[in-house]
Amino acid sequence: MKRCKRVAVVLPVAAGLCLVYAPVAVADADASIVSAEVSGTLTPGARASVKVVVMNHKAPAGQKSCISAKMDGGGGTSCFDLGAPGTSVTHDGFMEVLKDAKPGPRTVTVNLLPRAVGGLGKDTKTVTATVGNAPPACDPVSLNRDAFQLGHTEGLKDGREDGFADSYRQSYDDAFKKKPGLTAEQCQDFALSAFQNGYGKGYETGFKEGQAKGGKVGEKEGKEDRQKGNTSRNVTIRQLRVTALPATGEADCAQGVKFTASFLGSGTGTIQFHWERSSGKVPGTIEFSGGDAEPKTVTDQAAVPAGATTATLTQKFVIDSGPSKGKTAQATANVTCKK
């Protein structure tokens, strides 16, 4: 099965972190801003990240509040819910930088405001940031070269994977059964066309390479399973993804974080897999009854280290057998333990 992909070409900007805390200007006793930061150099015409930590002193849990960030040449407002009294919430807000914003240093005023009339929570902090130069016009020659190469690399990888699986399944069955200077919009269209061209050529080459390798491996493993009387492992896995619950925010750290792998299986048989944790590997198997897209889910509970107040947990799900052997997906959770 051939795939088509779309790509967005992103021009990198210089990374940096501007962070200044000013005394509370108009804070009340209900909620206040603990810290505020604007990440990186601001790019004219782009959205900037404004991360704010807000402490709820005694307002009701779930109180609707908003963060307003303003500067000469941009601004933005986003809203969120306060946590329980005595806890803080990290809110990822944003600020739109105007296309004609002039390069240079800026003072960003970050305000905490109640979302509804009569709401609670007011505070103000100032943050320093720097507006950089507007992105230069793209060079169509270098853009075509870079996008083509990126598409060729991705197509080669996916073609090898799909070609391997296609040839593996057929050979396995045989062995098992038979017994042996442009505008931004123009730049994007130009890059997409070049990527798709490169992807198609790379996929074609990779598919042939995968077929050659998949045929040999599928025949070998089909003979092994027939001779040993094993259950077929000839199941292709697609649309593999892993999610964490909760992925961010507060969590009951005594219960840990629940990771769920979901995927579709085509074929009849048993697939081996394992979870990769920081503490080691947790293996398992899952059976498929047949069909072209049988949905399955597998869960794993990740423990938060004892005594931790915050935790970053990453779990990887790996397929260990069949034509999709080596396929992986992972998720990361960043949580704060409930008090």
C-alpha atoms as a PDB file:
ATOM      1  CA  MET A   1       0.000   0.000   0.000  1.00  0.00           C
ATOM      2  CA  LYS A   2       1.592   3.258  -1.085  1.00  0.00           C
ATOM      3  CA  ARG A   3       1.297   6.361   1.050  1.00  0.00           C
ATOM      4  CA  CYS A   4       1.125  10.073   0.355  1.00  0.00           C
ATOM      5  CA  LYS A   5       2.487  12.646   2.777  1.00  0.00           C
ATOM      6  CA  ARG A   6       2.251  16.406   3.139  1.00  0.00           C
ATOM      7  CA  VAL A   7       4.983  18.471   4.704  1.00  0.00           C
ATOM      8  CA  ALA A   8       5.350  21.957   6.116  1.00  0.00           C
ATOM      9  CA  VAL A   9       8.733  23.576   5.582  1.00  0.00           C
ATOM     10  CA  VAL A  10       9.734  25.552   8.673  1.00  0.00           C
ATOM     11  CA  LEU A  11      12.623  28.024   8.680  1.00  0.00           C
ATOM     12  CA  PRO A  12      14.588  27.787  11.958  1.00  0.00           C
ATOM     13  CA  VAL A  13      15.131  30.829  14.165  1.00  0.00           C
ATOM     14  CA  ALA A  14      17.777  31.484  16.760  1.00  0.00           C
ATOM     15  CA  ALA A  15      16.743  29.981  20.086  1.00  0.00           C
ATOM     16  CA  GLY A  16      16.985  31.885  23.339  1.00  0.00           C
ATOM     17  CA  LEU A  17      15.009  32.571  26.457  1.00  0.00           C
ATOM     18  CA  CYS A  18      14.121  36.048  27.702  1.00  0.00           C
ATOM     19  CA  LEU A  19      12.866  36.128  31.271  1.00  0.00           C
ATOM     20  CA  VAL A  20      12.386  39.008  33.722  1.00  0.00           C
ATOM     21  CA  TYR A  21      10.104  39.148  36.765  1.00  0.00           C
ATOM     22  CA  ALA A  22       8.740  42.488  37.952  1.00  0.00           C
ATOM     23  CA  PRO A  23       7.041  43.112  41.319  1.00  0.00           C
ATOM     24  CA  VAL A  24       3.323  42.374  41.431  1.00  0.00           C
ATOM     25  CA  ALA A  25       1.502  45.467  40.188  1.00  0.00           C
ATOM     26  CA  VAL A  26      -2.190  44.845  40.828  1.00  0.00           C
ATOM     27  CA  ALA A  27      -2.344  41.418  42.465  1.00  0.00           C
ATOM     28  CA  ASP A  28      -5.266  40.504  44.683  1.00  0.00           C
ATOM     29  CA  ALA A  29      -5.432  37.891  47.427  1.00  0.00           C
ATOM     30  CA  ASP A  30      -7.101  35.210  45.306  1.00  0.00           C
ATOM     31  CA  ALA A  31      -4.587  34.414  42.552  1.00  0.00           C
ATOM     32  CA  SER A  32      -1.241  35.714  41.284  1.00  0.00           C
ATOM     33  CA  ILE A  33       1.355  35.178  38.553  1.00  0.00           C
ATOM     34  CA  VAL A  34       4.354  33.218  39.880  1.00  0.00           C
ATOM     35  CA  SER A  35       6.439  33.544  36.709  1.00  0.00           C
ATOM     36  CA  ALA A  36       6.158  34.428  33.027  1.00  0.00           C
ATOM     37  CA  GLU A  37       8.486  33.828  30.098  1.00  0.00           C
ATOM     38  CA  VAL A  38       8.654  34.351  26.337  1.00  0.00           C
ATOM     39  CA  SER A  39      10.749  31.765  24.508  1.00  0.00           C
ATOM     40  CA  GLY A  40      13.154  32.540  21.684  1.00  0.00           C
ATOM     41  CA  THR A  41      13.539  35.467  19.346  1.00  0.00           C
ATOM     42  CA  LEU A  42      10.163  36.777  18.144  1.00  0.00           C
ATOM     43  CA  THR A  43       9.572  36.505  14.399  1.00  0.00           C
ATOM     44  CA  PRO A  44       7.430  39.128  12.614  1.00  0.00           C
ATOM     45  CA  GLY A  45       4.225  37.547  11.304  1.00  0.00           C
ATOM     46  CA  ALA A  46       4.494  34.482  13.570  1.00  0.00           C
ATOM     47  CA  ARG A  47       2.974  33.346  16.879  1.00  0.00           C
ATOM     48  CA  ALA A  48       5.166  33.477  19.996  1.00  0.00           C
ATOM     49  CA  SER A  49       4.814  31.234  23.059  1.00  0.00           C
ATOM     50  CA  VAL A  50       4.072  32.891  26.414  1.00  0.00           C
ATOM     51  CA  LYS A  51       4.349  30.443  29.328  1.00  0.00           C
ATOM     52  CA  VAL A  52       2.824  31.611  32.622  1.00  0.00           C
ATOM     53  CA  VAL A  53       2.672  29.892  36.029  1.00  0.00           C
ATOM     54  CA  VAL A  54      -0.350  31.037  38.057  1.00  0.00           C
ATOM     55  CA  MET A  55      -0.863  30.284  41.775  1.00  0.00           C
ATOM     56  CA  ASN A  56      -4.384  29.933  43.146  1.00  0.00           C
ATOM     57  CA  HIS A  57      -4.293  31.174  46.735  1.00  0.00           C
ATOM     58  CA  LYS A  58      -7.939  30.822  47.736  1.00  0.00           C
ATOM     59  CA  ALA A  59     -10.162  31.122  44.666  1.00  0.00           C
ATOM     60  CA  PRO A  60     -12.609  28.264  43.907  1.00  0.00           C
ATOM     61  CA  ALA A  61     -11.118  25.375  41.910  1.00  0.00           C
ATOM     62  CA  GLY A  62     -11.906  25.695  38.195  1.00  0.00           C
ATOM     63  CA  GLN A  63     -12.220  29.490  38.308  1.00  0.00           C
ATOM     64  CA  LYS A  64     -12.015  30.768  34.727  1.00  0.00           C
ATOM     65  CA  SER A  65      -9.079  33.129  34.208  1.00  0.00           C
ATOM     66  CA  CYS A  66      -7.264  34.617  31.224  1.00  0.00           C
ATOM     67  CA  ILE A  67      -3.729  35.696  30.336  1.00  0.00           C
ATOM     68  CA  SER A  68      -3.291  38.800  28.174  1.00  0.00           C
ATOM     69  CA  ALA A  69       0.167  39.477  26.697  1.00  0.00           C
ATOM     70  CA  LYS A  70       0.779  42.847  24.999  1.00  0.00           C
ATOM     71  CA  MET A  71       3.743  44.676  23.502  1.00  0.00           C
ATOM     72  CA  ASP A  72       4.481  47.286  20.893  1.00  0.00           C
ATOM     73  CA  GLY A  73       3.930  45.271  17.723  1.00  0.00           C
ATOM     74  CA  GLY A  74       1.790  42.381  18.942  1.00  0.00           C
ATOM     75  CA  GLY A  75      -0.371  40.741  21.577  1.00  0.00           C
ATOM     76  CA  GLY A  76      -2.790  37.941  22.378  1.00  0.00           C
ATOM     77  CA  THR A  77      -5.215  36.559  24.996  1.00  0.00           C
ATOM     78  CA  SER A  78      -5.897  32.961  26.045  1.00  0.00           C
ATOM     79  CA  CYS A  79      -7.931  31.496  28.912  1.00  0.00           C
ATOM     80  CA  PHE A  80      -7.636  28.541  31.288  1.00  0.00           C
ATOM     81  CA  ASP A  81      -8.937  27.064  34.566  1.00  0.00           C
ATOM     82  CA  LEU A  82      -7.260  27.657  37.923  1.00  0.00           C
ATOM     83  CA  GLY A  83      -6.295  24.612  39.967  1.00  0.00           C
ATOM     84  CA  ALA A  84      -7.360  23.855  43.514  1.00  0.00           C
ATOM     85  CA  PRO A  85      -6.571  26.423  46.231  1.00  0.00           C
ATOM     86  CA  GLY A  86      -2.886  26.268  47.168  1.00  0.00           C
ATOM     87  CA  THR A  87      -1.765  24.843  43.789  1.00  0.00           C
ATOM     88  CA  SER A  88      -0.259  26.360  40.665  1.00  0.00           C
ATOM     89  CA  VAL A  89      -1.088  25.848  36.983  1.00  0.00           C
ATOM     90  CA  THR A  90       1.312  26.232  34.053  1.00  0.00           C
ATOM     91  CA  HIS A  91      -0.512  27.816  31.115  1.00  0.00           C
ATOM     92  CA  ASP A  92       0.937  27.929  27.590  1.00  0.00           C
ATOM     93  CA  GLY A  93      -0.419  31.159  26.176  1.00  0.00           C
ATOM     94  CA  PHE A  94       0.494  32.937  22.959  1.00  0.00           C
ATOM     95  CA  MET A  95       1.095  36.308  21.362  1.00  0.00           C
ATOM     96  CA  GLU A  96       0.746  37.226  17.692  1.00  0.00           C
ATOM     97  CA  VAL A  97       3.709  39.273  16.409  1.00  0.00           C
ATOM     98  CA  LEU A  98       2.656  41.751  13.714  1.00  0.00           C
ATOM     99  CA  LYS A  99       4.200  41.339  10.261  1.00  0.00           C
ATOM    100  CA  ASP A 100       5.529  44.909  10.341  1.00  0.00           C
ATOM    101  CA  ALA A 101       6.987  44.669  13.877  1.00  0.00           C
ATOM    102  CA  LYS A 102      10.393  46.371  13.901  1.00  0.00           C
ATOM    103  CA  PRO A 103      13.454  44.401  15.123  1.00  0.00           C
ATOM    104  CA  GLY A 104      14.726  45.180  18.611  1.00  0.00           C
ATOM    105  CA  PRO A 105      14.026  44.694  22.345  1.00  0.00           C
ATOM    106  CA  ARG A 106      10.477  44.848  23.698  1.00  0.00           C
ATOM    107  CA  THR A 107       8.740  44.948  27.050  1.00  0.00           C
ATOM    108  CA  VAL A 108       5.846  42.473  27.159  1.00  0.00           C
ATOM    109  CA  THR A 109       3.124  43.147  29.747  1.00  0.00           C
ATOM    110  CA  VAL A 110       1.497  39.930  30.977  1.00  0.00           C
ATOM    111  CA  ASN A 111      -1.845  40.432  32.760  1.00  0.00           C
ATOM    112  CA  LEU A 112      -3.894  37.915  34.738  1.00  0.00           C
ATOM    113  CA  LEU A 113      -7.574  38.770  34.309  1.00  0.00           C
ATOM    114  CA  PRO A 114     -10.865  37.172  35.427  1.00  0.00           C
ATOM    115  CA  ARG A 115     -12.674  35.587  32.507  1.00  0.00           C
ATOM    116  CA  ALA A 116     -16.156  36.675  33.598  1.00  0.00           C
ATOM    117  CA  VAL A 117     -17.520  39.860  35.067  1.00  0.00           C
ATOM    118  CA  GLY A 118     -17.158  39.608  38.819  1.00  0.00           C
ATOM    119  CA  GLY A 119     -14.498  36.900  38.490  1.00  0.00           C
ATOM    120  CA  LEU A 120     -11.446  36.574  40.705  1.00  0.00           C
ATOM    121  CA  GLY A 121      -7.697  36.874  40.199  1.00  0.00           C
ATOM    122  CA  LYS A 122      -5.705  39.884  39.004  1.00  0.00           C
ATOM    123  CA  ASP A 123      -1.957  40.377  38.569  1.00  0.00           C
ATOM    124  CA  THR A 124       0.621  41.866  36.203  1.00  0.00           C
ATOM    125  CA  LYS A 125       4.228  41.053  35.319  1.00  0.00           C
ATOM    126  CA  THR A 126       6.576  42.348  32.663  1.00  0.00           C
ATOM    127  CA  VAL A 127       8.825  40.225  30.481  1.00  0.00           C
ATOM    128  CA  THR A 128      11.603  41.335  28.139  1.00  0.00           C
ATOM    129  CA  ALA A 129      11.768  39.876  24.627  1.00  0.00           C
ATOM    130  CA  THR A 130      13.498  40.607  21.342  1.00  0.00           C
ATOM    131  CA  VAL A 131      11.905  40.914  17.906  1.00  0.00           C
ATOM    132  CA  GLY A 132      14.173  39.545  15.178  1.00  0.00           C
ATOM    133  CA  ASN A 133      14.276  40.184  11.456  1.00  0.00           C
ATOM    134  CA  ALA A 134      11.478  39.028   9.171  1.00  0.00           C
ATOM    135  CA  PRO A 135      12.222  35.700   7.376  1.00  0.00           C
ATOM    136  CA  PRO A 136      14.051  36.262   4.075  1.00  0.00           C
ATOM    137  CA  ALA A 137      12.455  35.328   0.765  1.00  0.00           C
ATOM    138  CA  CYS A 138      13.200  31.707  -0.097  1.00  0.00           C
ATOM    139  CA  ASP A 139      15.625  30.591  -2.791  1.00  0.00           C
ATOM    140  CA  PRO A 140      13.638  28.252  -5.110  1.00  0.00           C
ATOM    141  CA  VAL A 141      16.762  26.368  -6.191  1.00  0.00           C
ATOM    142  CA  SER A 142      17.934  25.454  -2.684  1.00  0.00           C
ATOM    143  CA  LEU A 143      14.341  24.921  -1.506  1.00  0.00           C
ATOM    144  CA  ASN A 144      13.719  22.444  -4.327  1.00  0.00           C
ATOM    145  CA  ARG A 145      16.952  20.603  -3.500  1.00  0.00           C
ATOM    146  CA  ASP A 146      16.314  20.423   0.241  1.00  0.00           C
ATOM    147  CA  ALA A 147      12.633  19.480  -0.035  1.00  0.00           C
ATOM    148  CA  PHE A 148      13.363  16.835  -2.686  1.00  0.00           C
ATOM    149  CA  GLN A 149      16.046  15.302  -0.471  1.00  0.00           C
ATOM    150  CA  LEU A 150      13.728  15.291   2.537  1.00  0.00           C
ATOM    151  CA  GLY A 151      10.954  13.646   0.514  1.00  0.00           C
ATOM    152  CA  HIS A 152      13.376  11.129  -0.983  1.00  0.00           C
ATOM    153  CA  THR A 153      14.639  10.137   2.481  1.00  0.00           C
ATOM    154  CA  GLU A 154      11.118   9.730   3.900  1.00  0.00           C
ATOM    155  CA  GLY A 155       9.899   7.866   0.819  1.00  0.00           C
ATOM    156  CA  LEU A 156      12.906   5.538   0.923  1.00  0.00           C
ATOM    157  CA  LYS A 157      12.227   4.692   4.568  1.00  0.00           C
ATOM    158  CA  ASP A 158       8.482   4.089   4.099  1.00  0.00           C
ATOM    159  CA  GLY A 159       8.986   2.222   0.838  1.00  0.00           C
ATOM    160  CA  ARG A 160      11.443  -0.175   2.477  1.00  0.00           C
ATOM    161  CA  GLU A 161       9.011  -0.812   5.306  1.00  0.00           C
ATOM    162  CA  ASP A 162       5.989  -1.392   3.062  1.00  0.00           C
ATOM    163  CA  GLY A 163       7.938  -3.380   0.482  1.00  0.00           C
ATOM    164  CA  PHE A 164       9.326  -5.619   3.225  1.00  0.00           C
ATOM    165  CA  ALA A 165       5.859  -6.231   4.680  1.00  0.00           C
ATOM    166  CA  ASP A 166       4.284  -6.884   1.260  1.00  0.00           C
ATOM    167  CA  SER A 167       6.876  -9.447   0.208  1.00  0.00           C
ATOM    168  CA  TYR A 168       7.080 -10.962   3.727  1.00  0.00           C
ATOM    169  CA  ARG A 169       3.382 -11.801   3.842  1.00  0.00           C
ATOM    170  CA  GLN A 170       3.323 -13.479   0.442  1.00  0.00           C
ATOM    171  CA  SER A 171       6.503 -15.478   1.049  1.00  0.00           C
ATOM    172  CA  TYR A 172       5.397 -16.447   4.556  1.00  0.00           C
ATOM    173  CA  ASP A 173       2.085 -17.815   3.259  1.00  0.00           C
ATOM    174  CA  ASP A 174       3.855 -19.744   0.494  1.00  0.00           C
ATOM    175  CA  ALA A 175       6.304 -21.319   2.946  1.00  0.00           C
ATOM    176  CA  PHE A 176       3.730 -21.970   5.682  1.00  0.00           C
ATOM    177  CA  LYS A 177       1.129 -23.577   3.420  1.00  0.00           C
ATOM    178  CA  LYS A 178       3.276 -25.276   0.747  1.00  0.00           C
ATOM    179  CA  LYS A 179       5.947 -26.536   3.141  1.00  0.00           C
ATOM    180  CA  PRO A 180       9.288 -25.017   1.584  1.00  0.00           C
ATOM    181  CA  GLY A 181      12.195  34.951  -4.571  1.00  0.00           C
ATOM    182  CA  LEU A 182       8.799  33.915  -4.119  1.00  0.00           C
ATOM    183  CA  THR A 183       5.893  34.641  -1.834  1.00  0.00           C
ATOM    184  CA  ALA A 184       5.419  32.516   1.288  1.00  0.00           C
ATOM    185  CA  GLU A 185       2.456  30.742  -0.331  1.00  0.00           C
ATOM    186  CA  GLN A 186       4.436  30.044  -3.517  1.00  0.00           C
ATOM    187  CA  CYS A 187       7.321  28.761  -1.414  1.00  0.00           C
ATOM    188  CA  GLN A 188       5.028  26.317   0.366  1.00  0.00           C
ATOM    189  CA  ASP A 189       3.520  25.024  -2.896  1.00  0.00           C
ATOM    190  CA  PHE A 190       6.985  24.739  -4.424  1.00  0.00           C
ATOM    191  CA  ALA A 191       8.318  22.784  -1.441  1.00  0.00           C
ATOM    192  CA  LEU A 192       5.270  20.478  -1.361  1.00  0.00           C
ATOM    193  CA  SER A 193       5.651  19.635  -5.047  1.00  0.00           C
ATOM    194  CA  ALA A 194       9.362  18.917  -4.633  1.00  0.00           C
ATOM    195  CA  PHE A 195       8.753  16.823  -1.505  1.00  0.00           C
ATOM    196  CA  GLN A 196       6.100  14.700  -3.207  1.00  0.00           C
ATOM    197  CA  ASN A 197       8.356  14.201  -6.227  1.00  0.00           C
ATOM    198  CA  GLY A 198      11.249  13.131  -3.998  1.00  0.00           C
ATOM    199  CA  TYR A 199       8.977  10.986  -1.811  1.00  0.00           C
ATOM    200  CA  GLY A 200       7.599   9.103  -4.828  1.00  0.00           C
ATOM    201  CA  LYS A 201      11.028   8.272  -6.221  1.00  0.00           C
ATOM    202  CA  GLY A 202      12.385   7.350  -2.788  1.00  0.00           C
ATOM    203  CA  TYR A 203       9.334   5.185  -2.037  1.00  0.00           C
ATOM    204  CA  GLU A 204       9.699   3.299  -5.304  1.00  0.00           C
ATOM    205  CA  THR A 205      13.351   2.467  -4.596  1.00  0.00           C
ATOM    206  CA  GLY A 206      12.683   1.608  -0.956  1.00  0.00           C
ATOM    207  CA  PHE A 207       9.707  -0.624  -1.850  1.00  0.00           C
ATOM    208  CA  LYS A 208      11.874  -2.753  -4.138  1.00  0.00           C
ATOM    209  CA  GLU A 209      14.602  -3.031  -1.484  1.00  0.00           C
ATOM    210  CA  GLY A 210      12.000  -3.987   1.129  1.00  0.00           C
ATOM    211  CA  GLN A 211      10.465  -6.607  -1.163  1.00  0.00           C
ATOM    212  CA  ALA A 212      13.808  -8.333  -1.670  1.00  0.00           C
ATOM    213  CA  LYS A 213      14.562  -8.464   2.045  1.00  0.00           C
ATOM    214  CA  GLY A 214      10.986  -9.195   3.164  1.00  0.00           C
ATOM    215  CA  GLY A 215      10.697 -12.179   0.819  1.00  0.00           C
ATOM    216  CA  LYS A 216      13.720 -13.912   2.311  1.00  0.00           C
ATOM    217  CA  VAL A 217      12.802 -13.209   5.945  1.00  0.00           C
ATOM    218  CA  GLY A 218       9.124 -14.148   5.444  1.00  0.00           C
ATOM    219  CA  GLU A 219      10.054 -17.473   3.825  1.00  0.00           C
ATOM    220  CA  LYS A 220      12.547 -18.304   6.603  1.00  0.00           C
ATOM    221  CA  GLU A 221      10.156 -17.474   9.460  1.00  0.00           C
ATOM    222  CA  GLY A 222       7.202 -19.165   7.738  1.00  0.00           C
ATOM    223  CA  LYS A 223       9.199 -22.424   7.570  1.00  0.00           C
ATOM    224  CA  GLU A 224      10.262 -22.074  11.209  1.00  0.00           C
ATOM    225  CA  ASP A 225       6.706 -21.596  12.479  1.00  0.00           C
ATOM    226  CA  ARG A 226       5.360 -24.467  10.365  1.00  0.00           C
ATOM    227  CA  GLN A 227       8.072 -26.886  11.539  1.00  0.00           C
ATOM    228  CA  LYS A 228       7.727 -25.891  15.222  1.00  0.00           C
ATOM    229  CA  GLY A 229       3.941 -25.793  15.154  1.00  0.00           C
ATOM    230  CA  ASN A 230       3.911 -22.135  16.228  1.00  0.00           C
ATOM    231  CA  THR A 231       0.963 -19.808  15.799  1.00  0.00           C
ATOM    232  CA  SER A 232       1.305 -17.639  12.707  1.00  0.00           C
ATOM    233  CA  ARG A 233       2.960 -14.258  13.254  1.00  0.00           C
ATOM    234  CA  ASN A 234       2.011 -13.037   9.783  1.00  0.00           C
ATOM    235  CA  VAL A 235       0.091  -9.943  10.948  1.00  0.00           C
ATOM    236  CA  THR A 236       0.859  -6.461   9.596  1.00  0.00           C
ATOM    237  CA  ILE A 237       0.475  -3.589  12.071  1.00  0.00           C
ATOM    238  CA  ARG A 238      -0.590  -0.116  10.885  1.00  0.00           C
ATOM    239  CA  GLN A 239      -1.588   3.237  12.423  1.00  0.00           C
ATOM    240  CA  LEU A 240       0.379   2.568  15.605  1.00  0.00           C
ATOM    241  CA  ARG A 241       0.181   5.395  18.138  1.00  0.00           C
ATOM    242  CA  VAL A 242       0.737   5.793  21.890  1.00  0.00           C
ATOM    243  CA  THR A 243      -1.077   8.245  24.195  1.00  0.00           C
ATOM    244  CA  ALA A 244      -0.599   9.165  27.860  1.00  0.00           C
ATOM    245  CA  LEU A 245      -3.355   9.913  30.400  1.00  0.00           C
ATOM    246  CA  PRO A 246      -2.862  12.460  31.786  1.00  0.00           C
ATOM    247  CA  ALA A 247      -0.328  13.853  29.315  1.00  0.00           C
ATOM    248  CA  THR A 248       0.094  17.150  31.179  1.00  0.00           C
ATOM    249  CA  GLY A 249      -1.193  18.924  34.255  1.00  0.00           C
ATOM    250  CA  GLU A 250      -1.998  17.405  37.640  1.00  0.00           C
ATOM    251  CA  ALA A 251      -2.041  13.659  38.284  1.00  0.00           C
ATOM    252  CA  ASP A 252      -2.622  11.273  41.160  1.00  0.00           C
ATOM    253  CA  CYS A 253       1.007  10.164  41.351  1.00  0.00           C
ATOM    254  CA  ALA A 254       0.111   7.234  43.590  1.00  0.00           C
ATOM    255  CA  GLN A 255      -1.806   5.808  40.613  1.00  0.00           C
ATOM    256  CA  GLY A 256       0.849   6.791  38.040  1.00  0.00           C
ATOM    257  CA  VAL A 257       0.257   7.556  34.349  1.00  0.00           C
ATOM    258  CA  LYS A 258      -1.659   5.278  31.984  1.00  0.00           C
ATOM    259  CA  PHE A 259      -0.083   4.743  28.539  1.00  0.00           C
ATOM    260  CA  THR A 260      -2.230   3.239  25.759  1.00  0.00           C
ATOM    261  CA  ALA A 261      -0.994   1.827  22.438  1.00  0.00           C
ATOM    262  CA  SER A 262      -3.646   1.611  19.699  1.00  0.00           C
ATOM    263  CA  PHE A 263      -3.216   0.075  16.244  1.00  0.00           C
ATOM    264  CA  LEU A 264      -4.819  -1.923  13.412  1.00  0.00           C
ATOM    265  CA  GLY A 265      -3.823  -5.473  12.460  1.00  0.00           C
ATOM    266  CA  SER A 266      -4.233  -7.239   9.102  1.00  0.00           C
ATOM    267  CA  GLY A 267      -3.999 -11.034   9.181  1.00  0.00           C
ATOM    268  CA  THR A 268      -4.574 -13.939  11.559  1.00  0.00           C
ATOM    269  CA  GLY A 269      -2.091 -14.850  14.270  1.00  0.00           C
ATOM    270  CA  THR A 270      -0.193 -13.682  17.348  1.00  0.00           C
ATOM    271  CA  ILE A 271       2.115 -10.677  17.530  1.00  0.00           C
ATOM    272  CA  GLN A 272       4.793 -10.223  20.187  1.00  0.00           C
ATOM    273  CA  PHE A 273       5.484  -6.740  21.573  1.00  0.00           C
ATOM    274  CA  HIS A 274       7.141  -5.006  24.504  1.00  0.00           C
ATOM    275  CA  TRP A 275       6.916  -1.731  26.409  1.00  0.00           C
ATOM    276  CA  GLU A 276      10.200   0.075  27.027  1.00  0.00           C
ATOM    277  CA  ARG A 277      10.242   1.702  30.460  1.00  0.00           C
ATOM    278  CA  SER A 278      13.040   3.411  32.350  1.00  0.00           C
ATOM    279  CA  SER A 279      13.018   0.325  34.618  1.00  0.00           C
ATOM    280  CA  GLY A 280      13.330  -2.152  31.722  1.00  0.00           C
ATOM    281  CA  LYS A 281      11.221  -3.998  29.135  1.00  0.00           C
ATOM    282  CA  VAL A 282       7.731  -5.428  29.690  1.00  0.00           C
ATOM    283  CA  PRO A 283       6.904  -8.053  27.004  1.00  0.00           C
ATOM    284  CA  GLY A 284       3.514  -9.311  25.898  1.00  0.00           C
ATOM    285  CA  THR A 285       1.504 -10.863  23.056  1.00  0.00           C
ATOM    286  CA  ILE A 286      -1.771 -10.030  21.330  1.00  0.00           C
ATOM    287  CA  GLU A 287      -3.917 -12.172  19.024  1.00  0.00           C
ATOM    288  CA  PHE A 288      -5.693 -11.199  15.795  1.00  0.00           C
ATOM    289  CA  SER A 289      -8.629 -13.139  14.375  1.00  0.00           C
ATOM    290  CA  GLY A 290      -8.257 -11.914  10.791  1.00  0.00           C
ATOM    291  CA  GLY A 291      -9.436  -9.077   8.593  1.00  0.00           C
ATOM    292  CA  ASP A 292      -7.793  -6.067   7.010  1.00  0.00           C
ATOM    293  CA  ALA A 293      -8.092  -3.585   9.881  1.00  0.00           C
ATOM    294  CA  GLU A 294      -8.776  -5.229  13.249  1.00  0.00           C
ATOM    295  CA  PRO A 295      -8.427  -2.572  16.021  1.00  0.00           C
ATOM    296  CA  LYS A 296      -6.513  -3.385  19.216  1.00  0.00           C
ATOM    297  CA  THR A 297      -5.354  -1.482  22.294  1.00  0.00           C
ATOM    298  CA  VAL A 298      -2.716  -2.333  24.923  1.00  0.00           C
ATOM    299  CA  THR A 299      -2.267  -0.365  28.165  1.00  0.00           C
ATOM    300  CA  ASP A 300       0.594  -0.013  30.635  1.00  0.00           C
ATOM    301  CA  GLN A 301       0.643   1.864  33.959  1.00  0.00           C
ATOM    302  CA  ALA A 302       3.845   3.853  34.551  1.00  0.00           C
ATOM    303  CA  ALA A 303       4.782   4.555  38.162  1.00  0.00           C
ATOM    304  CA  VAL A 304       5.878   7.993  39.385  1.00  0.00           C
ATOM    305  CA  PRO A 305       9.046   7.877  41.542  1.00  0.00           C
ATOM    306  CA  ALA A 306       8.214   7.908  45.248  1.00  0.00           C
ATOM    307  CA  GLY A 307       8.401  11.362  46.815  1.00  0.00           C
ATOM    308  CA  ALA A 308       8.430  13.208  43.485  1.00  0.00           C
ATOM    309  CA  THR A 309       6.377  16.399  43.104  1.00  0.00           C
ATOM    310  CA  THR A 310       6.744  16.504  39.318  1.00  0.00           C
ATOM    311  CA  ALA A 311       7.603  13.813  36.795  1.00  0.00           C
ATOM    312  CA  THR A 312       8.399  13.349  33.102  1.00  0.00           C
ATOM    313  CA  LEU A 313       7.607   9.816  31.943  1.00  0.00           C
ATOM    314  CA  THR A 314       8.212   8.346  28.475  1.00  0.00           C
ATOM    315  CA  GLN A 315       6.997   4.927  27.299  1.00  0.00           C
ATOM    316  CA  LYS A 316       7.800   3.300  23.943  1.00  0.00           C
ATOM    317  CA  PHE A 317       5.726   0.485  22.371  1.00  0.00           C
ATOM    318  CA  VAL A 318       7.696  -1.874  20.065  1.00  0.00           C
ATOM    319  CA  ILE A 319       6.452  -4.641  17.713  1.00  0.00           C
ATOM    320  CA  ASP A 320       8.789  -7.667  18.063  1.00  0.00           C
ATOM    321  CA  SER A 321       7.524 -10.138  15.423  1.00  0.00           C
ATOM    322  CA  GLY A 322       5.971 -10.444  11.980  1.00  0.00           C
ATOM    323  CA  PRO A 323       6.257  -8.183   8.926  1.00  0.00           C
ATOM    324  CA  SER A 324       5.984  -5.050  11.119  1.00  0.00           C
ATOM    325  CA  LYS A 325       8.807  -6.098  13.438  1.00  0.00           C
ATOM    326  CA  GLY A 326      10.656  -3.028  14.714  1.00  0.00           C
ATOM    327  CA  LYS A 327       7.741  -0.604  14.267  1.00  0.00           C
ATOM    328  CA  THR A 328       7.571   1.743  17.283  1.00  0.00           C
ATOM    329  CA  ALA A 329       5.601   4.631  18.758  1.00  0.00           C
ATOM    330  CA  GLN A 330       5.985   6.509  22.029  1.00  0.00           C
ATOM    331  CA  ALA A 331       4.439   9.215  24.210  1.00  0.00           C
ATOM    332  CA  THR A 332       5.675  11.469  27.010  1.00  0.00           C
ATOM    333  CA  ALA A 333       3.755  12.729  30.049  1.00  0.00           C
ATOM    334  CA  ASN A 334       4.746  15.827  32.059  1.00  0.00           C
ATOM    335  CA  VAL A 335       2.719  15.870  35.279  1.00  0.00           C
ATOM    336  CA  THR A 336       2.571  17.619  38.649  1.00  0.00           C
ATOM    337  CA  CYS A 337       1.567  15.462  41.612  1.00  0.00           C
ATOM    338  CA  LYS A 338      -1.643  16.372  43.381  1.00  0.00           C
ATOM    339  CA  LYS A 339      -1.203  17.411  47.000  1.00  0.00           C
END
